[in-house]
C-alpha atoms as a PDB file:
ATOM      1  CA  UNK A   1     110.926  85.525  77.953  1.00  0.00           C
ATOM      2  CA  UNK A   2     111.282  89.265  77.532  1.00  0.00           C
ATOM      3  CA  UNK A   3     108.805  91.427  79.422  1.00  0.00           C
ATOM      4  CA  UNK A   4     107.890  94.571  77.495  1.00  0.00           C
ATOM      5  CA  UNK A   5     107.112  97.469  79.813  1.00  0.00           C
ATOM      6  CA  UNK A   6     104.982 100.555  79.348  1.00  0.00           C
ATOM      7  CA  UNK A   7     105.597 103.425  81.761  1.00  0.00           C
ATOM      8  CA  UNK A   8     102.588 105.427  82.935  1.00  0.00           C
ATOM      9  CA  UNK A   9     103.608 108.945  84.046  1.00  0.00           C
ATOM     10  CA  UNK A  10     106.921 110.681  83.450  1.00  0.00           C
ATOM     11  CA  UNK A  11     107.642 111.796  87.004  1.00  0.00           C
ATOM     12  CA  UNK A  12     110.514 111.189  89.398  1.00  0.00           C
ATOM     13  CA  UNK A  13     109.587 107.689  90.517  1.00  0.00           C
ATOM     14  CA  UNK A  14     109.012 106.565  86.915  1.00  0.00           C
ATOM     15  CA  UNK A  15     112.491 107.833  86.083  1.00  0.00           C
ATOM     16  CA  UNK A  16     114.028 105.778  88.866  1.00  0.00           C
ATOM     17  CA  UNK A  17     112.028 102.681  87.957  1.00  0.00           C
ATOM     18  CA  UNK A  18     113.146 102.922  84.332  1.00  0.00           C
ATOM     19  CA  UNK A  19     116.770 103.294  85.415  1.00  0.00           C
ATOM     20  CA  UNK A  20     116.335 100.222  87.624  1.00  0.00           C
ATOM     21  CA  UNK A  21     114.839  98.200  84.770  1.00  0.00           C
ATOM     22  CA  UNK A  22     117.893  98.886  82.658  1.00  0.00           C
ATOM     23  CA  UNK A  23     120.152  97.269  85.255  1.00  0.00           C
ATOM     24  CA  UNK A  24     118.462  93.981  84.304  1.00  0.00           C
ATOM     25  CA  UNK A  25     119.329  91.913  81.204  1.00  0.00           C
ATOM     26  CA  UNK A  26     117.743  93.395  78.038  1.00  0.00           C
ATOM     27  CA  UNK A  27     116.681  89.902  76.980  1.00  0.00           C
ATOM     28  CA  UNK A  28     114.476  89.836  80.103  1.00  0.00           C
ATOM     29  CA  UNK A  29     113.137  93.405  80.350  1.00  0.00           C
ATOM     30  CA  UNK A  30     112.569  96.140  77.788  1.00  0.00           C
ATOM     31  CA  UNK A  31     110.881  99.535  78.067  1.00  0.00           C
ATOM     32  CA  UNK A  32     108.931 100.072  74.862  1.00  0.00           C
ATOM     33  CA  UNK A  33     106.635 103.023  75.605  1.00  0.00           C
ATOM     34  CA  UNK A  34     105.906 105.879  77.972  1.00  0.00           C
ATOM     35  CA  UNK A  35     102.703 107.869  78.452  1.00  0.00           C
ATOM     36  CA  UNK A  36     102.079 111.134  80.247  1.00  0.00           C
ATOM     37  CA  UNK A  37      99.246 113.650  80.082  1.00  0.00           C
ATOM     38  CA  UNK A  38     101.908 116.297  79.441  1.00  0.00           C
ATOM     39  CA  UNK A  39     103.148 115.432  75.933  1.00  0.00           C
ATOM     40  CA  UNK A  40     106.355 117.453  76.291  1.00  0.00           C
ATOM     41  CA  UNK A  41     107.339 115.667  79.501  1.00  0.00           C
ATOM     42  CA  UNK A  42     106.624 112.320  77.857  1.00  0.00           C
ATOM     43  CA  UNK A  43     108.864 113.223  74.900  1.00  0.00           C
ATOM     44  CA  UNK A  44     111.680 114.373  77.171  1.00  0.00           C
ATOM     45  CA  UNK A  45     111.374 111.222  79.262  1.00  0.00           C
ATOM     46  CA  UNK A  46     111.514 109.033  76.165  1.00  0.00           C
ATOM     47  CA  UNK A  47     114.611 110.810  74.860  1.00  0.00           C
ATOM     48  CA  UNK A  48     116.389 110.545  78.201  1.00  0.00           C
ATOM     49  CA  UNK A  49     115.725 106.803  78.468  1.00  0.00           C
ATOM     50  CA  UNK A  50     115.818 105.874  74.755  1.00  0.00           C
ATOM     51  CA  UNK A  51     112.181 104.712  74.740  1.00  0.00           C
ATOM     52  CA  UNK A  52     110.849 104.202  71.196  1.00  0.00           C
ATOM     53  CA  UNK A  53     107.147 105.063  71.645  1.00  0.00           C
ATOM     54  CA  UNK A  54     105.533 108.072  73.294  1.00  0.00           C
ATOM     55  CA  UNK A  55     101.853 108.596  74.104  1.00  0.00           C
ATOM     56  CA  UNK A  56     100.065 111.666  75.470  1.00  0.00           C
ATOM     57  CA  UNK A  57      97.237 109.669  77.027  1.00  0.00           C
ATOM     58  CA  UNK A  58      97.004 106.584  79.203  1.00  0.00           C
ATOM     59  CA  UNK A  59      94.284 105.202  76.945  1.00  0.00           C
ATOM     60  CA  UNK A  60      96.702 105.125  73.995  1.00  0.00           C
ATOM     61  CA  UNK A  61      99.263 103.281  76.097  1.00  0.00           C
ATOM     62  CA  UNK A  62      96.602 100.778  77.131  1.00  0.00           C
ATOM     63  CA  UNK A  63      95.822  99.993  73.479  1.00  0.00           C
ATOM     64  CA  UNK A  64      99.429  99.231  72.518  1.00  0.00           C
ATOM     65  CA  UNK A  65      99.558  95.491  71.698  1.00  0.00           C
ATOM     66  CA  UNK A  66     103.320  95.313  72.265  1.00  0.00           C
ATOM     67  CA  UNK A  67     103.094  96.052  75.996  1.00  0.00           C
ATOM     68  CA  UNK A  68     103.008  93.182  78.480  1.00  0.00           C
ATOM     69  CA  UNK A  69     103.051  95.144  81.749  1.00  0.00           C
ATOM     70  CA  UNK A  70     102.339  98.741  82.695  1.00  0.00           C
ATOM     71  CA  UNK A  71     104.128 100.420  85.562  1.00  0.00           C
ATOM     72  CA  UNK A  72     101.836 103.049  87.124  1.00  0.00           C
ATOM     73  CA  UNK A  73     103.938 105.827  88.639  1.00  0.00           C
ATOM     74  CA  UNK A  74     101.368 108.615  88.923  1.00  0.00           C
ATOM     75  CA  UNK A  75     100.631 110.527  92.127  1.00  0.00           C
ATOM     76  CA  UNK A  76      98.570 108.595  94.676  1.00  0.00           C
ATOM     77  CA  UNK A  77      95.044 109.811  93.780  1.00  0.00           C
ATOM     78  CA  UNK A  78      95.466 108.659  90.156  1.00  0.00           C
ATOM     79  CA  UNK A  79      96.574 105.081  90.918  1.00  0.00           C
ATOM     80  CA  UNK A  80      92.996 103.839  90.978  1.00  0.00           C
ATOM     81  CA  UNK A  81      91.765 105.488  87.777  1.00  0.00           C
ATOM     82  CA  UNK A  82      94.939 104.720  85.815  1.00  0.00           C
ATOM     83  CA  UNK A  83      95.008 101.155  87.112  1.00  0.00           C
ATOM     84  CA  UNK A  84      91.427 100.585  85.941  1.00  0.00           C
ATOM     85  CA  UNK A  85      92.271 101.830  82.446  1.00  0.00           C
ATOM     86  CA  UNK A  86      95.071  99.284  82.036  1.00  0.00           C
ATOM     87  CA  UNK A  87      93.401  96.366  83.782  1.00  0.00           C
ATOM     88  CA  UNK A  88      90.246  96.791  81.697  1.00  0.00           C
ATOM     89  CA  UNK A  89      92.476  96.801  78.598  1.00  0.00           C
ATOM     90  CA  UNK A  90      93.766  93.430  79.844  1.00  0.00           C
ATOM     91  CA  UNK A  91      97.224  94.724  80.664  1.00  0.00           C
ATOM     92  CA  UNK A  92      99.229  93.355  83.565  1.00  0.00           C
ATOM     93  CA  UNK A  93      99.900  96.101  86.099  1.00  0.00           C
ATOM     94  CA  UNK A  94     102.602  96.946  88.632  1.00  0.00           C
ATOM     95  CA  UNK A  95     101.215  99.948  90.513  1.00  0.00           C
ATOM     96  CA  UNK A  96     103.326 102.148  92.728  1.00  0.00           C
ATOM     97  CA  UNK A  97     102.376 102.114  96.408  1.00  0.00           C
ATOM     98  CA  UNK A  98      99.863 102.828  97.818  1.00  0.00           C
ATOM     99  CA  UNK A  99      97.805 100.702  95.450  1.00  0.00           C
ATOM    100  CA  UNK A 100      94.953 103.162  95.930  1.00  0.00           C
ATOM    101  CA  UNK A 101      93.684 105.846  98.301  1.00  0.00           C
ATOM    102  CA  UNK A 102      91.524 103.551 100.417  1.00  0.00           C
ATOM    103  CA  UNK A 103      90.246 100.003 100.889  1.00  0.00           C
ATOM    104  CA  UNK A 104      87.264 100.483  98.583  1.00  0.00           C
ATOM    105  CA  UNK A 105      89.493 101.479  95.678  1.00  0.00           C
ATOM    106  CA  UNK A 106      91.943  98.634  96.382  1.00  0.00           C
ATOM    107  CA  UNK A 107      89.112  96.095  96.337  1.00  0.00           C
ATOM    108  CA  UNK A 108      87.862  97.466  93.016  1.00  0.00           C
ATOM    109  CA  UNK A 109      91.319  97.192  91.438  1.00  0.00           C
ATOM    110  CA  UNK A 110      91.733  93.614  92.685  1.00  0.00           C
ATOM    111  CA  UNK A 111      88.265  92.645  91.445  1.00  0.00           C
ATOM    112  CA  UNK A 112      88.954  94.237  88.042  1.00  0.00           C
ATOM    113  CA  UNK A 113      92.239  92.353  87.717  1.00  0.00           C
ATOM    114  CA  UNK A 114      90.460  89.087  88.472  1.00  0.00           C
ATOM    115  CA  UNK A 115      87.615  89.844  86.058  1.00  0.00           C
ATOM    116  CA  UNK A 116      90.103  90.493  83.259  1.00  0.00           C
ATOM    117  CA  UNK A 117      92.377  87.601  84.288  1.00  0.00           C
ATOM    118  CA  UNK A 118      95.504  89.770  84.458  1.00  0.00           C
ATOM    119  CA  UNK A 119      98.350  90.254  86.913  1.00  0.00           C
ATOM    120  CA  UNK A 120      98.224  93.037  89.502  1.00  0.00           C
ATOM    121  CA  UNK A 121     100.769  93.885  92.182  1.00  0.00           C
ATOM    122  CA  UNK A 122     101.267  96.825  94.511  1.00  0.00           C
ATOM    123  CA  UNK A 123     104.805  98.124  94.120  1.00  0.00           C
ATOM    124  CA  UNK A 124     105.979  97.701  97.698  1.00  0.00           C
ATOM    125  CA  UNK A 125     109.539  97.397  96.424  1.00  0.00           C
ATOM    126  CA  UNK A 126     111.021  96.907  99.909  1.00  0.00           C
ATOM    127  CA  UNK A 127     109.641  93.367 100.068  1.00  0.00           C
ATOM    128  CA  UNK A 128     111.780  92.167  97.178  1.00  0.00           C
ATOM    129  CA  UNK A 129     115.178  93.423  98.294  1.00  0.00           C
ATOM    130  CA  UNK A 130     117.656  90.649  99.176  1.00  0.00           C
ATOM    131  CA  UNK A 131     117.611  91.978 102.759  1.00  0.00           C
ATOM    132  CA  UNK A 132     113.861  91.375 103.005  1.00  0.00           C
ATOM    133  CA  UNK A 133     114.158  87.902 101.510  1.00  0.00           C
ATOM    134  CA  UNK A 134     116.844  87.075 104.067  1.00  0.00           C
ATOM    135  CA  UNK A 135     114.654  88.367 106.907  1.00  0.00           C
ATOM    136  CA  UNK A 136     111.838  86.062 105.825  1.00  0.00           C
ATOM    137  CA  UNK A 137     114.250  83.128 105.660  1.00  0.00           C
ATOM    138  CA  UNK A 138     115.593  83.883 109.137  1.00  0.00           C
ATOM    139  CA  UNK A 139     112.089  84.137 110.580  1.00  0.00           C
ATOM    140  CA  UNK A 140     111.081  80.773 109.130  1.00  0.00           C
ATOM    141  CA  UNK A 141     114.191  79.281 110.736  1.00  0.00           C
ATOM    142  CA  UNK A 142     113.319  81.041 114.028  1.00  0.00           C
ATOM    143  CA  UNK A 143     116.851  82.449 114.062  1.00  0.00           C
ATOM    144  CA  UNK A 144     115.910  84.906 116.820  1.00  0.00           C
ATOM    145  CA  UNK A 145     113.308  82.715 118.495  1.00  0.00           C
ATOM    146  CA  UNK A 146     109.715  83.889 118.638  1.00  0.00           C
ATOM    147  CA  UNK A 147     109.293  87.489 117.548  1.00  0.00           C
ATOM    148  CA  UNK A 148     107.596  89.496 120.311  1.00  0.00           C
ATOM    149  CA  UNK A 149     108.046  93.081 119.136  1.00  0.00           C
ATOM    150  CA  UNK A 150     108.690  94.960 115.884  1.00  0.00           C
ATOM    151  CA  UNK A 151     109.728  98.622 115.932  1.00  0.00           C
ATOM    152  CA  UNK A 152     109.868 100.664 112.738  1.00  0.00           C
ATOM    153  CA  UNK A 153     110.289 104.366 112.108  1.00  0.00           C
ATOM    154  CA  UNK A 154     110.459 106.530 109.016  1.00  0.00           C
ATOM    155  CA  UNK A 155     110.766 110.278 109.143  1.00  0.00           C
ATOM    156  CA  UNK A 156     111.818 112.836 106.566  1.00  0.00           C
ATOM    157  CA  UNK A 157     111.480 116.596 106.250  1.00  0.00           C
ATOM    158  CA  UNK A 158     108.940 116.777 103.415  1.00  0.00           C
ATOM    159  CA  UNK A 159     106.601 119.596 104.435  1.00  0.00           C
ATOM    160  CA  UNK A 160     107.911 121.867 101.680  1.00  0.00           C
ATOM    161  CA  UNK A 161     106.828 119.386  98.984  1.00  0.00           C
ATOM    162  CA  UNK A 162     103.228 119.955  97.769  1.00  0.00           C
ATOM    163  CA  UNK A 163     102.710 116.261  96.947  1.00  0.00           C
ATOM    164  CA  UNK A 164     103.379 115.404 100.601  1.00  0.00           C
ATOM    165  CA  UNK A 165     101.110 117.986 102.231  1.00  0.00           C
ATOM    166  CA  UNK A 166      98.227 118.795  99.860  1.00  0.00           C
ATOM    167  CA  UNK A 167      95.127 116.666 100.405  1.00  0.00           C
ATOM    168  CA  UNK A 168      94.048 116.690  96.743  1.00  0.00           C
ATOM    169  CA  UNK A 169      97.491 115.338  95.785  1.00  0.00           C
ATOM    170  CA  UNK A 170      97.187 112.432  98.211  1.00  0.00           C
ATOM    171  CA  UNK A 171      99.483 114.001 100.780  1.00  0.00           C
ATOM    172  CA  UNK A 172     100.112 112.878 104.335  1.00  0.00           C
ATOM    173  CA  UNK A 173     102.747 110.905 106.181  1.00  0.00           C
ATOM    174  CA  UNK A 174     100.980 107.562 106.112  1.00  0.00           C
ATOM    175  CA  UNK A 175     100.324 107.151 102.382  1.00  0.00           C
ATOM    176  CA  UNK A 176     103.753 108.526 101.526  1.00  0.00           C
ATOM    177  CA  UNK A 177     106.094 106.888 104.032  1.00  0.00           C
ATOM    178  CA  UNK A 178     104.123 105.318 106.875  1.00  0.00           C
ATOM    179  CA  UNK A 179     103.014 102.565 104.520  1.00  0.00           C
ATOM    180  CA  UNK A 180     106.605 101.293 104.516  1.00  0.00           C
ATOM    181  CA  UNK A 181     106.499 100.814 108.283  1.00  0.00           C
ATOM    182  CA  UNK A 182     103.129  99.057 108.264  1.00  0.00           C
ATOM    183  CA  UNK A 183     104.013  96.738 105.386  1.00  0.00           C
ATOM    184  CA  UNK A 184     107.234  95.769 107.180  1.00  0.00           C
ATOM    185  CA  UNK A 185     105.284  94.744 110.271  1.00  0.00           C
ATOM    186  CA  UNK A 186     102.848  92.703 108.182  1.00  0.00           C
ATOM    187  CA  UNK A 187     105.755  91.037 106.375  1.00  0.00           C
ATOM    188  CA  UNK A 188     107.342  90.022 109.689  1.00  0.00           C
ATOM    189  CA  UNK A 189     104.033  88.710 111.036  1.00  0.00           C
ATOM    190  CA  UNK A 190     103.358  86.870 107.769  1.00  0.00           C
ATOM    191  CA  UNK A 191     100.271  88.764 106.683  1.00  0.00           C
ATOM    192  CA  UNK A 192      98.350  88.163 109.903  1.00  0.00           C
ATOM    193  CA  UNK A 193      95.538  90.604 110.660  1.00  0.00           C
ATOM    194  CA  UNK A 194      96.226  92.449 113.915  1.00  0.00           C
ATOM    195  CA  UNK A 195      93.824  92.021 116.804  1.00  0.00           C
ATOM    196  CA  UNK A 196      93.890  95.749 117.477  1.00  0.00           C
ATOM    197  CA  UNK A 197      95.201  98.959 115.908  1.00  0.00           C
ATOM    198  CA  UNK A 198      95.668 102.175 117.887  1.00  0.00           C
ATOM    199  CA  UNK A 199      96.758 105.338 116.074  1.00  0.00           C
ATOM    200  CA  UNK A 200      97.470 108.810 117.372  1.00  0.00           C
ATOM    201  CA  UNK A 201      98.734 111.655 115.267  1.00  0.00           C
ATOM    202  CA  UNK A 202      99.124 115.313 114.426  1.00  0.00           C
ATOM    203  CA  UNK A 203      97.493 116.835 111.347  1.00  0.00           C
ATOM    204  CA  UNK A 204      98.458 119.825 109.234  1.00  0.00           C
ATOM    205  CA  UNK A 205      96.115 122.686 108.376  1.00  0.00           C
ATOM    206  CA  UNK A 206      95.664 121.033 104.981  1.00  0.00           C
ATOM    207  CA  UNK A 207      93.912 118.131 106.707  1.00  0.00           C
ATOM    208  CA  UNK A 208      96.559 115.464 106.154  1.00  0.00           C
ATOM    209  CA  UNK A 209      98.619 113.687 108.795  1.00  0.00           C
ATOM    210  CA  UNK A 210     102.001 115.202 109.589  1.00  0.00           C
ATOM    211  CA  UNK A 211     103.038 112.578 112.130  1.00  0.00           C
ATOM    212  CA  UNK A 212     101.579 109.349 113.441  1.00  0.00           C
ATOM    213  CA  UNK A 213     102.360 106.647 115.981  1.00  0.00           C
ATOM    214  CA  UNK A 214     100.607 103.317 115.446  1.00  0.00           C
ATOM    215  CA  UNK A 215     100.585 100.427 117.900  1.00  0.00           C
ATOM    216  CA  UNK A 216      99.425  97.037 116.636  1.00  0.00           C
ATOM    217  CA  UNK A 217      98.678  93.953 118.712  1.00  0.00           C
ATOM    218  CA  UNK A 218      98.815  90.502 117.152  1.00  0.00           C
ATOM    219  CA  UNK A 219      97.971  87.022 118.437  1.00  0.00           C
ATOM    220  CA  UNK A 220     100.073  85.449 121.198  1.00  0.00           C
ATOM    221  CA  UNK A 221     100.839  88.837 122.699  1.00  0.00           C
ATOM    222  CA  UNK A 222     103.048  90.033 119.854  1.00  0.00           C
ATOM    223  CA  UNK A 223     103.310  93.783 119.310  1.00  0.00           C
ATOM    224  CA  UNK A 224     104.486  96.340 116.781  1.00  0.00           C
ATOM    225  CA  UNK A 225     105.094 100.085 117.015  1.00  0.00           C
ATOM    226  CA  UNK A 226     105.358 102.290 113.923  1.00  0.00           C
ATOM    227  CA  UNK A 227     106.383 105.946 114.014  1.00  0.00           C
ATOM    228  CA  UNK A 228     106.357 108.103 110.912  1.00  0.00           C
ATOM    229  CA  UNK A 229     106.462 111.787 110.120  1.00  0.00           C
ATOM    230  CA  UNK A 230     106.991 114.251 107.289  1.00  0.00           C
ATOM    231  CA  UNK A 231     108.136 116.916 109.782  1.00  0.00           C
ATOM    232  CA  UNK A 232     111.652 115.705 110.596  1.00  0.00           C
ATOM    233  CA  UNK A 233     114.244 113.033 110.041  1.00  0.00           C
ATOM    234  CA  UNK A 234     114.118 109.894 112.199  1.00  0.00           C
ATOM    235  CA  UNK A 235     116.622 107.013 112.524  1.00  0.00           C
ATOM    236  CA  UNK A 236     114.692 105.266 109.717  1.00  0.00           C
ATOM    237  CA  UNK A 237     115.454 101.759 110.854  1.00  0.00           C
ATOM    238  CA  UNK A 238     113.519  98.598 111.671  1.00  0.00           C
ATOM    239  CA  UNK A 239     114.149  96.282 114.613  1.00  0.00           C
ATOM    240  CA  UNK A 240     112.749  92.784 115.098  1.00  0.00           C
ATOM    241  CA  UNK A 241     113.054  91.599 118.694  1.00  0.00           C
ATOM    242  CA  UNK A 242     112.767  87.892 119.408  1.00  0.00           C
ATOM    243  CA  UNK A 243     113.132  85.682 122.452  1.00  0.00           C
ATOM    244  CA  UNK A 244     116.600  84.592 121.281  1.00  0.00           C
ATOM    245  CA  UNK A 245     118.009  87.615 119.487  1.00  0.00           C
ATOM    246  CA  UNK A 246     117.534  90.718 117.384  1.00  0.00           C
ATOM    247  CA  UNK A 247     117.374  91.536 113.680  1.00  0.00           C
ATOM    248  CA  UNK A 248     118.120  95.142 112.791  1.00  0.00           C
ATOM    249  CA  UNK A 249     117.628  96.834 109.431  1.00  0.00           C
ATOM    250  CA  UNK A 250     119.701 100.056 109.373  1.00  0.00           C
ATOM    251  CA  UNK A 251     118.601 103.120 107.444  1.00  0.00           C
ATOM    252  CA  UNK A 252     117.157 103.290 104.918  1.00  0.00           C
ATOM    253  CA  UNK A 253     114.766 100.544 106.046  1.00  0.00           C
ATOM    254  CA  UNK A 254     112.537 101.053 102.978  1.00  0.00           C
ATOM    255  CA  UNK A 255     115.382 100.342 100.522  1.00  0.00           C
ATOM    256  CA  UNK A 256     117.763  98.323 102.682  1.00  0.00           C
ATOM    257  CA  UNK A 257     121.276  97.277 101.725  1.00  0.00           C
ATOM    258  CA  UNK A 258     122.489  95.914 105.064  1.00  0.00           C
ATOM    259  CA  UNK A 259     121.219  93.616 107.789  1.00  0.00           C
ATOM    260  CA  UNK A 260     122.421  93.108 111.347  1.00  0.00           C
ATOM    261  CA  UNK A 261     121.563  89.776 112.963  1.00  0.00           C
ATOM    262  CA  UNK A 262     122.647  89.479 116.587  1.00  0.00           C
ATOM    263  CA  UNK A 263     125.279  92.197 115.999  1.00  0.00           C
ATOM    264  CA  UNK A 264     126.698  90.548 112.847  1.00  0.00           C
ATOM    265  CA  UNK A 265     126.294  92.823 109.819  1.00  0.00           C
ATOM    266  CA  UNK A 266     125.974  91.699 106.185  1.00  0.00           C
ATOM    267  CA  UNK A 267     125.845  94.037 103.193  1.00  0.00           C
ATOM    268  CA  UNK A 268     123.704  93.618 100.082  1.00  0.00           C
ATOM    269  CA  UNK A 269     124.651  96.427  97.658  1.00  0.00           C
ATOM    270  CA  UNK A 270     122.392  97.472  94.792  1.00  0.00           C
ATOM    271  CA  UNK A 271     123.708  98.123  91.251  1.00  0.00           C
ATOM    272  CA  UNK A 272     125.019 101.536  90.285  1.00  0.00           C
ATOM    273  CA  UNK A 273     122.629 103.626  88.130  1.00  0.00           C
ATOM    274  CA  UNK A 274     123.444 104.883  84.635  1.00  0.00           C
ATOM    275  CA  UNK A 275     121.671 108.175  85.387  1.00  0.00           C
ATOM    276  CA  UNK A 276     121.287 110.139  88.646  1.00  0.00           C
ATOM    277  CA  UNK A 277     118.418 108.939  90.844  1.00  0.00           C
ATOM    278  CA  UNK A 278     115.753 110.874  92.738  1.00  0.00           C
ATOM    279  CA  UNK A 279     115.501 108.437  95.650  1.00  0.00           C
ATOM    280  CA  UNK A 280     118.102 106.468  97.576  1.00  0.00           C
ATOM    281  CA  UNK A 281     118.951 102.948  96.345  1.00  0.00           C
ATOM    282  CA  UNK A 282     116.280 103.170  93.640  1.00  0.00           C
ATOM    283  CA  UNK A 283     118.024 100.665  91.387  1.00  0.00           C
ATOM    284  CA  UNK A 284     116.617  98.230  93.954  1.00  0.00           C
ATOM    285  CA  UNK A 285     113.303  98.584  92.139  1.00  0.00           C
ATOM    286  CA  UNK A 286     114.792  95.995  89.809  1.00  0.00           C
ATOM    287  CA  UNK A 287     113.863  93.309  92.337  1.00  0.00           C
ATOM    288  CA  UNK A 288     110.119  93.966  92.160  1.00  0.00           C
ATOM    289  CA  UNK A 289     110.333  94.127  88.353  1.00  0.00           C
ATOM    290  CA  UNK A 290     111.977  90.710  88.233  1.00  0.00           C
ATOM    291  CA  UNK A 291     109.301  89.386  90.607  1.00  0.00           C
ATOM    292  CA  UNK A 292     106.686  90.486  88.077  1.00  0.00           C
ATOM    293  CA  UNK A 293     108.549  88.682  85.306  1.00  0.00           C
ATOM    294  CA  UNK A 294     108.853  85.490  87.341  1.00  0.00           C
ATOM    295  CA  UNK A 295     105.135  85.565  88.152  1.00  0.00           C
ATOM    296  CA  UNK A 296     104.239  86.036  84.480  1.00  0.00           C
ATOM    297  CA  UNK A 297     106.522  83.160  83.498  1.00  0.00           C
ATOM    298  CA  UNK A 298     104.579  80.949  85.914  1.00  0.00           C
ATOM    299  CA  UNK A 299     101.202  82.202  84.741  1.00  0.00           C
ATOM    300  CA  UNK A 300     100.422  83.779  88.119  1.00  0.00           C
ATOM    301  CA  UNK A 301      98.020  86.689  88.536  1.00  0.00           C
ATOM    302  CA  UNK A 302      99.469  87.872  91.842  1.00  0.00           C
ATOM    303  CA  UNK A 303     102.695  87.588  93.800  1.00  0.00           C
ATOM    304  CA  UNK A 304     102.769  85.474  96.936  1.00  0.00           C
ATOM    305  CA  UNK A 305     105.222  87.975  98.414  1.00  0.00           C
ATOM    306  CA  UNK A 306     102.919  90.985  97.912  1.00  0.00           C
ATOM    307  CA  UNK A 307      99.556  89.386  97.308  1.00  0.00           C
ATOM    308  CA  UNK A 308      96.140  90.920  96.757  1.00  0.00           C
ATOM    309  CA  UNK A 309      95.240  89.987 100.335  1.00  0.00           C
ATOM    310  CA  UNK A 310      98.419  91.724 101.552  1.00  0.00           C
ATOM    311  CA  UNK A 311      97.408  94.926  99.766  1.00  0.00           C
ATOM    312  CA  UNK A 312      93.835  94.638 101.027  1.00  0.00           C
ATOM    313  CA  UNK A 313      94.913  94.222 104.658  1.00  0.00           C
ATOM    314  CA  UNK A 314      97.403  97.068 104.350  1.00  0.00           C
ATOM    315  CA  UNK A 315      94.685  99.373 103.002  1.00  0.00           C
ATOM    316  CA  UNK A 316      92.268  98.268 105.733  1.00  0.00           C
ATOM    317  CA  UNK A 317      94.779  99.143 108.458  1.00  0.00           C
ATOM    318  CA  UNK A 318      95.625 102.494 106.861  1.00  0.00           C
ATOM    319  CA  UNK A 319      91.909 103.348 106.611  1.00  0.00           C
ATOM    320  CA  UNK A 320      91.491 102.564 110.310  1.00  0.00           C
ATOM    321  CA  UNK A 321      94.515 104.694 111.252  1.00  0.00           C
ATOM    322  CA  UNK A 322      93.139 107.598 109.250  1.00  0.00           C
ATOM    323  CA  UNK A 323      89.713 107.163 110.874  1.00  0.00           C
ATOM    324  CA  UNK A 324      91.233 107.381 114.348  1.00  0.00           C
ATOM    325  CA  UNK A 325      93.395 110.409 113.534  1.00  0.00           C
ATOM    326  CA  UNK A 326      90.748 112.165 111.455  1.00  0.00           C
ATOM    327  CA  UNK A 327      92.220 112.229 107.948  1.00  0.00           C
ATOM    328  CA  UNK A 328      89.557 112.104 105.231  1.00  0.00           C
ATOM    329  CA  UNK A 329      90.141 112.255 101.461  1.00  0.00           C
ATOM    330  CA  UNK A 330      87.565 113.058  98.803  1.00  0.00           C
ATOM    331  CA  UNK A 331      87.810 109.438  97.644  1.00  0.00           C
ATOM    332  CA  UNK A 332      86.333 108.364 100.996  1.00  0.00           C
ATOM    333  CA  UNK A 333      83.011 110.012 100.097  1.00  0.00           C
ATOM    334  CA  UNK A 334      82.529 108.210  96.783  1.00  0.00           C
END
């Protein structure tokens, strides 16, 4: 079965996703259309990636009968509105993370997907890398005993990028990069809701979070500590500490290609791109795309590896962190 993709937005992440798709067999995945509000950018994107159809509105893309799945790669504040357009047109949707700006919007997207009986998944691409699949396998086997602590950090110098610092563009450390740390913790603890969440942070004059430290407590005395910032580079690794050993994910933990289990390292390289990428190891987005295809082949409306409940819990925790630190978006008032 070939999955025919429509690309919503012609920005940097959409470029990388399209490059990643073309590392997969063409009999399995094809990009048939792109839409962007800027018609010129859509045309240029289509020429660069040899995409046959170009639309200057998301509504036109939603009406195309040849599209099976839409990848939403807009900036954060537009995920919700764009997602609703495609879901209500009965299109399957893979939406870039975060799925929406807050829990209310996430719940509305999930409900709309269910009403229209279509597939919806948040594009937390990290979860589908071979490294992440191996981590889950090791945890089921209790390869490091009982996990007692998870430490994750992600820091990058992004304060000169408007998308990362402007509130109306969905800026802030948590929605941009902190989400990777939190989702990793929830993956390790198998989607369990934490008993407590404590967040402390520093905000910019624009009103978004520059840096945040989040401590989560789970059942049976298990803990997690996440540190993320857009002010500086951090080690950008994840460590899982168990009673019988340690699992370490070296940088970049959000797009991992190596895994160290009790000091033994294994490498999992990603394919080489046919065009330059904007983000490291972005051909690894192929793994989430293939997950979508496998789910559609099975008639599923959500992925068990990044389920609707996973996205809902993630949004709930992020809302609570923002509440404690004092970050409020306009979407929170609606």
